[in-house]
């Protein structure tokens, strides 16, 4: 009669606690990397004082100073209009010149 060495061995599957214990490092590493990425994004955005977006006198990346300068070099008239200023004419009677531009300032 022959006996197998592993015949009496019991196969056990890993429990939820054992699986969580093994993956704890990678979960914490992922959460830490996510927190570092969020902090870096917030700090990078907080440091840039771009001024008023789309303002004609704003040379920051959010500004429109370069556009206004190029239009002026091409002979186009440009003016800055803020939301609280009234237009010179009513919109129905305003004439649109082919080379005119208005730079709007966002609030």
C-alpha atoms as a PDB file:
ATOM      1  CA  UNK A   1       0.000   0.000   0.000  1.00  0.00           C
ATOM      2  CA  UNK A   2       1.393   3.382  -0.947  1.00  0.00           C
ATOM      3  CA  UNK A   3       0.631   6.609   0.785  1.00  0.00           C
ATOM      4  CA  UNK A   4       0.996  10.035  -0.641  1.00  0.00           C
ATOM      5  CA  UNK A   5       2.886  12.599   1.367  1.00  0.00           C
ATOM      6  CA  UNK A   6       0.446  15.404   0.639  1.00  0.00           C
ATOM      7  CA  UNK A   7      -2.767  13.449   0.963  1.00  0.00           C
ATOM      8  CA  UNK A   8      -3.449  14.724   4.454  1.00  0.00           C
ATOM      9  CA  UNK A   9      -2.543  18.359   3.650  1.00  0.00           C
ATOM     10  CA  UNK A  10      -5.364  20.854   3.819  1.00  0.00           C
ATOM     11  CA  UNK A  11      -5.508  23.551   1.169  1.00  0.00           C
ATOM     12  CA  UNK A  12      -6.486  26.925   2.552  1.00  0.00           C
ATOM     13  CA  UNK A  13      -7.325  30.023   0.638  1.00  0.00           C
ATOM     14  CA  UNK A  14      -6.017  33.347   1.888  1.00  0.00           C
ATOM     15  CA  UNK A  15      -8.402  35.240   4.090  1.00  0.00           C
ATOM     16  CA  UNK A  16      -9.470  38.814   3.467  1.00  0.00           C
ATOM     17  CA  UNK A  17      -7.301  39.961   6.360  1.00  0.00           C
ATOM     18  CA  UNK A  18      -4.199  38.281   4.899  1.00  0.00           C
ATOM     19  CA  UNK A  19      -4.842  39.775   1.451  1.00  0.00           C
ATOM     20  CA  UNK A  20      -5.312  43.246   2.973  1.00  0.00           C
ATOM     21  CA  UNK A  21      -2.115  42.875   4.974  1.00  0.00           C
ATOM     22  CA  UNK A  22      -0.140  42.020   1.825  1.00  0.00           C
ATOM     23  CA  UNK A  23      -1.547  44.902  -0.235  1.00  0.00           C
ATOM     24  CA  UNK A  24      -1.443  47.540   2.517  1.00  0.00           C
ATOM     25  CA  UNK A  25       1.914  48.968   1.370  1.00  0.00           C
ATOM     26  CA  UNK A  26       0.755  49.512  -2.224  1.00  0.00           C
ATOM     27  CA  UNK A  27      -2.529  51.081  -1.176  1.00  0.00           C
ATOM     28  CA  UNK A  28      -0.744  53.513   1.157  1.00  0.00           C
ATOM     29  CA  UNK A  29       1.871  54.269  -1.519  1.00  0.00           C
ATOM     30  CA  UNK A  30      -0.880  55.072  -4.041  1.00  0.00           C
ATOM     31  CA  UNK A  31      -2.737  57.311  -1.608  1.00  0.00           C
ATOM     32  CA  UNK A  32       0.506  59.108  -0.735  1.00  0.00           C
ATOM     33  CA  UNK A  33       1.358  59.667  -4.404  1.00  0.00           C
ATOM     34  CA  UNK A  34      -2.133  61.019  -5.007  1.00  0.00           C
ATOM     35  CA  UNK A  35      -1.811  63.459  -2.087  1.00  0.00           C
ATOM     36  CA  UNK A  36       1.582  64.655  -3.335  1.00  0.00           C
ATOM     37  CA  UNK A  37       0.144  65.220  -6.835  1.00  0.00           C
ATOM     38  CA  UNK A  38      -2.814  67.201  -5.477  1.00  0.00           C
ATOM     39  CA  UNK A  39      -0.560  69.329  -3.267  1.00  0.00           C
ATOM     40  CA  UNK A  40       1.818  70.048  -6.162  1.00  0.00           C
ATOM     41  CA  UNK A  41      -1.077  71.075  -8.393  1.00  0.00           C
ATOM     42  CA  UNK A  42      -2.514  73.408  -5.770  1.00  0.00           C
ATOM     43  CA  UNK A  43       0.846  74.989  -5.019  1.00  0.00           C
ATOM     44  CA  UNK A  44       1.655  75.514  -8.693  1.00  0.00           C
ATOM     45  CA  UNK A  45      -1.703  77.159  -9.346  1.00  0.00           C
ATOM     46  CA  UNK A  46      -1.559  79.367  -6.261  1.00  0.00           C
ATOM     47  CA  UNK A  47       1.816  80.877  -7.140  1.00  0.00           C
ATOM     48  CA  UNK A  48       0.846  82.307 -10.508  1.00  0.00           C
ATOM     49  CA  UNK A  49      -0.592  85.787 -10.256  1.00  0.00           C
ATOM     50  CA  UNK A  50      -1.667  86.259 -13.826  1.00  0.00           C
ATOM     51  CA  UNK A  51      -3.648  89.416 -13.268  1.00  0.00           C
ATOM     52  CA  UNK A  52      -6.975  89.986 -14.966  1.00  0.00           C
ATOM     53  CA  UNK A  53      -7.679  87.282 -17.549  1.00  0.00           C
ATOM     54  CA  UNK A  54      -7.922  88.520 -21.157  1.00  0.00           C
ATOM     55  CA  UNK A  55      -6.952  92.069 -20.190  1.00  0.00           C
ATOM     56  CA  UNK A  56      -5.222  94.131 -22.866  1.00  0.00           C
ATOM     57  CA  UNK A  57      -2.527  95.261 -20.421  1.00  0.00           C
ATOM     58  CA  UNK A  58      -1.893  91.768 -19.017  1.00  0.00           C
ATOM     59  CA  UNK A  59       1.283  90.157 -20.403  1.00  0.00           C
ATOM     60  CA  UNK A  60       0.796  86.908 -18.469  1.00  0.00           C
ATOM     61  CA  UNK A  61      -0.230  83.725 -20.304  1.00  0.00           C
ATOM     62  CA  UNK A  62      -3.880  84.453 -19.450  1.00  0.00           C
ATOM     63  CA  UNK A  63      -3.663  87.998 -20.826  1.00  0.00           C
ATOM     64  CA  UNK A  64      -4.256  89.403 -24.291  1.00  0.00           C
ATOM     65  CA  UNK A  65      -1.437  91.945 -24.513  1.00  0.00           C
ATOM     66  CA  UNK A  66       0.362  90.132 -27.334  1.00  0.00           C
ATOM     67  CA  UNK A  67      -2.840  89.937 -29.357  1.00  0.00           C
ATOM     68  CA  UNK A  68      -3.501  93.646 -28.892  1.00  0.00           C
ATOM     69  CA  UNK A  69       0.055  94.536 -29.938  1.00  0.00           C
ATOM     70  CA  UNK A  70      -0.158  92.412 -33.084  1.00  0.00           C
ATOM     71  CA  UNK A  71      -3.499  93.948 -34.007  1.00  0.00           C
ATOM     72  CA  UNK A  72      -2.133  97.458 -33.474  1.00  0.00           C
ATOM     73  CA  UNK A  73       0.880  96.682 -35.683  1.00  0.00           C
ATOM     74  CA  UNK A  74      -1.513  95.558 -38.398  1.00  0.00           C
ATOM     75  CA  UNK A  75      -3.364  98.852 -38.144  1.00  0.00           C
ATOM     76  CA  UNK A  76      -6.413  97.577 -36.312  1.00  0.00           C
ATOM     77  CA  UNK A  77      -8.019  99.576 -33.570  1.00  0.00           C
ATOM     78  CA  UNK A  78      -8.532  97.778 -30.297  1.00  0.00           C
ATOM     79  CA  UNK A  79     -10.039  98.899 -27.052  1.00  0.00           C
ATOM     80  CA  UNK A  80     -10.551  97.253 -23.723  1.00  0.00           C
ATOM     81  CA  UNK A  81     -14.099  96.826 -22.574  1.00  0.00           C
ATOM     82  CA  UNK A  82     -15.005  95.791 -19.070  1.00  0.00           C
ATOM     83  CA  UNK A  83     -18.381  94.295 -18.198  1.00  0.00           C
ATOM     84  CA  UNK A  84     -19.502  97.427 -16.355  1.00  0.00           C
ATOM     85  CA  UNK A  85     -18.801  99.936 -19.141  1.00  0.00           C
ATOM     86  CA  UNK A  86     -21.521 100.911 -21.545  1.00  0.00           C
ATOM     87  CA  UNK A  87     -20.946 100.634 -25.279  1.00  0.00           C
ATOM     88  CA  UNK A  88     -20.604 103.865 -27.268  1.00  0.00           C
ATOM     89  CA  UNK A  89     -23.573 102.968 -29.474  1.00  0.00           C
ATOM     90  CA  UNK A  90     -26.471 100.655 -29.074  1.00  0.00           C
ATOM     91  CA  UNK A  91     -25.699  97.142 -30.374  1.00  0.00           C
ATOM     92  CA  UNK A  92     -28.338  97.450 -33.099  1.00  0.00           C
ATOM     93  CA  UNK A  93     -26.766 100.537 -34.646  1.00  0.00           C
ATOM     94  CA  UNK A  94     -23.124  99.680 -34.092  1.00  0.00           C
ATOM     95  CA  UNK A  95     -21.034  99.330 -37.222  1.00  0.00           C
ATOM     96  CA  UNK A  96     -18.563  96.511 -37.322  1.00  0.00           C
ATOM     97  CA  UNK A  97     -15.368  97.399 -39.094  1.00  0.00           C
ATOM     98  CA  UNK A  98     -13.479  94.483 -40.641  1.00  0.00           C
ATOM     99  CA  UNK A  99     -10.354  95.207 -38.630  1.00  0.00           C
ATOM    100  CA  UNK A 100     -11.799  96.118 -35.251  1.00  0.00           C
ATOM    101  CA  UNK A 101     -11.472  94.004 -32.149  1.00  0.00           C
ATOM    102  CA  UNK A 102     -12.692  94.223 -28.620  1.00  0.00           C
ATOM    103  CA  UNK A 103     -10.780  92.647 -25.795  1.00  0.00           C
ATOM    104  CA  UNK A 104     -13.185  91.582 -23.080  1.00  0.00           C
ATOM    105  CA  UNK A 105     -12.171  91.427 -19.487  1.00  0.00           C
ATOM    106  CA  UNK A 106     -13.587  88.585 -17.439  1.00  0.00           C
ATOM    107  CA  UNK A 107     -14.504  89.082 -13.817  1.00  0.00           C
END
